[in-house]
Amino acid sequence: MTTIHTLNELDGQPHANVFPDKEPKTIRLTLDAGGEVAPHSHPDREIVFYLIKGTIELDLGDETHELSVGDIARFDGDQEIAPRAVEESTALIVLASRSDE
C-alpha cells in the first residue's frame, strides 16, 4: 500500500511524525531561528537528515556540521545529536533500524 503526505500539512512542532507507528521512523523537524533540540541519541538507528529549508548547525558527538538547503547527512544514532537552527529551518529525518552490513 502506498501512503503519500505533504510535509506542510503535518501537525506537530518541532516534530511531526510523517508515518505514525511505521518503519522507518520519518520525522519533519521545524525550528524557528535560534531553536534547538537538546542533545540526545537514537541507539541502534542509522539516521538520514535532509535539510529542506534554512541553515542548521548539527552537533554530532564532538563535531559540529553546518548544513545548508539540500544537504544530506547520514550518521550513526548512537552518538549524541543536537540540531540548532541558525535561521528558520525545516528538515526531513529518517531513522532506520541499523543493518548488519
Protein backbone atom coordinates (compact mmCIF):
# COMPACT_ATOMS: atom_id res chain seq x y z
CA MET A 1 0.00 0.00 0.00
CA THR A 2 1.32 3.45 -0.90
CA THR A 3 0.96 6.34 1.55
CA ILE A 4 1.60 9.93 0.47
CA HIS A 5 1.72 13.04 2.68
CA THR A 6 2.67 16.66 2.10
CA LEU A 7 5.18 17.82 4.73
CA ASN A 8 3.45 21.19 5.09
CA GLU A 9 0.14 19.60 6.09
CA LEU A 10 1.58 17.73 9.07
CA ASP A 11 0.78 18.84 12.62
CA GLY A 12 3.40 18.97 15.34
CA GLN A 13 6.13 21.39 16.40
CA PRO A 14 9.02 20.94 16.37
CA HIS A 15 8.49 17.27 15.39
CA ALA A 16 5.81 15.80 13.15
CA ASN A 17 5.76 12.05 12.55
CA VAL A 18 5.18 11.54 8.81
CA PHE A 19 4.03 7.91 9.05
CA PRO A 20 2.99 7.27 12.68
CA ASP A 21 3.85 3.80 14.02
CA LYS A 22 5.55 2.79 10.76
CA GLU A 23 9.17 1.97 9.97
CA PRO A 24 11.46 3.51 9.10
CA LYS A 25 10.55 6.32 11.50
CA THR A 26 10.24 9.52 9.45
CA ILE A 27 10.06 12.95 11.09
CA ARG A 28 9.63 16.53 9.88
CA LEU A 29 11.64 18.82 12.16
CA THR A 30 10.72 22.52 12.13
CA LEU A 31 12.71 25.03 14.18
CA ASP A 32 12.47 28.81 14.45
CA ALA A 33 15.71 30.80 14.21
CA GLY A 34 17.71 30.01 17.35
CA GLY A 35 15.56 26.95 18.10
CA GLU A 36 17.29 23.77 19.10
CA VAL A 37 16.76 20.20 20.18
CA ALA A 38 18.58 19.12 23.35
CA PRO A 39 21.41 16.60 22.92
CA HIS A 40 20.04 13.08 22.62
CA SER A 41 20.74 9.80 20.83
CA HIS A 42 18.85 7.15 18.88
CA PRO A 43 20.56 3.86 19.78
CA ASP A 44 20.54 1.09 17.17
CA ARG A 45 19.44 3.51 14.41
CA GLU A 46 21.04 4.85 11.25
CA ILE A 47 19.90 8.40 10.55
CA VAL A 48 19.49 10.40 7.36
CA PHE A 49 18.99 14.15 7.92
CA TYR A 50 17.90 16.14 4.83
CA LEU A 51 17.69 19.93 5.13
CA ILE A 52 14.74 21.30 3.15
CA LYS A 53 14.80 24.93 4.32
CA GLY A 54 17.16 27.20 6.29
CA THR A 55 20.53 26.56 7.92
CA ILE A 56 21.22 24.10 10.75
CA GLU A 57 24.26 23.59 12.94
CA LEU A 58 24.19 19.87 13.62
CA ASP A 59 26.23 18.73 16.62
CA LEU A 60 27.21 15.08 16.22
CA GLY A 61 29.33 13.80 19.07
CA ASP A 62 32.32 16.17 19.31
CA GLU A 63 31.84 17.69 15.83
CA THR A 64 29.59 20.46 14.51
CA HIS A 65 28.44 20.46 10.88
CA GLU A 66 26.72 23.42 9.24
CA LEU A 67 24.03 22.18 6.86
CA SER A 68 22.54 24.29 4.07
CA VAL A 69 19.44 23.68 1.96
CA GLY A 70 19.80 20.43 0.03
CA ASP A 71 22.49 18.95 2.28
CA ILE A 72 22.03 15.36 3.42
CA ALA A 73 23.84 13.97 6.46
CA ARG A 74 23.95 10.26 7.24
CA PHE A 75 25.18 9.17 10.66
CA ASP A 76 25.03 6.61 13.46
CA GLY A 77 22.30 7.34 16.02
CA ASP A 78 24.40 6.01 18.92
CA GLN A 79 26.24 9.34 19.15
CA GLU A 80 24.76 12.48 20.72
CA ILE A 81 22.78 14.59 18.25
CA ALA A 82 21.77 18.23 18.76
CA PRO A 83 20.40 20.31 15.85
CA ARG A 84 20.31 24.12 16.24
CA ALA A 85 18.65 26.44 13.69
CA VAL A 86 20.75 29.38 12.51
CA GLU A 87 17.61 30.60 10.72
CA GLU A 88 14.07 29.24 10.44
CA SER A 89 14.62 25.67 9.23
CA THR A 90 12.83 22.50 8.18
CA ALA A 91 14.42 19.06 7.85
CA LEU A 92 13.22 15.58 6.97
CA ILE A 93 14.78 12.95 9.22
CA VAL A 94 14.64 9.19 8.62
CA LEU A 95 15.60 6.85 11.47
CA ALA A 96 16.13 3.31 10.19
CA SER A 97 16.95 0.22 12.20
CA ARG A 98 20.67 -0.45 11.92
CA SER A 99 21.55 -3.10 9.38
CA ASP A 100 24.37 -5.58 9.92
CA GLU A 101 26.01 -4.60 6.63
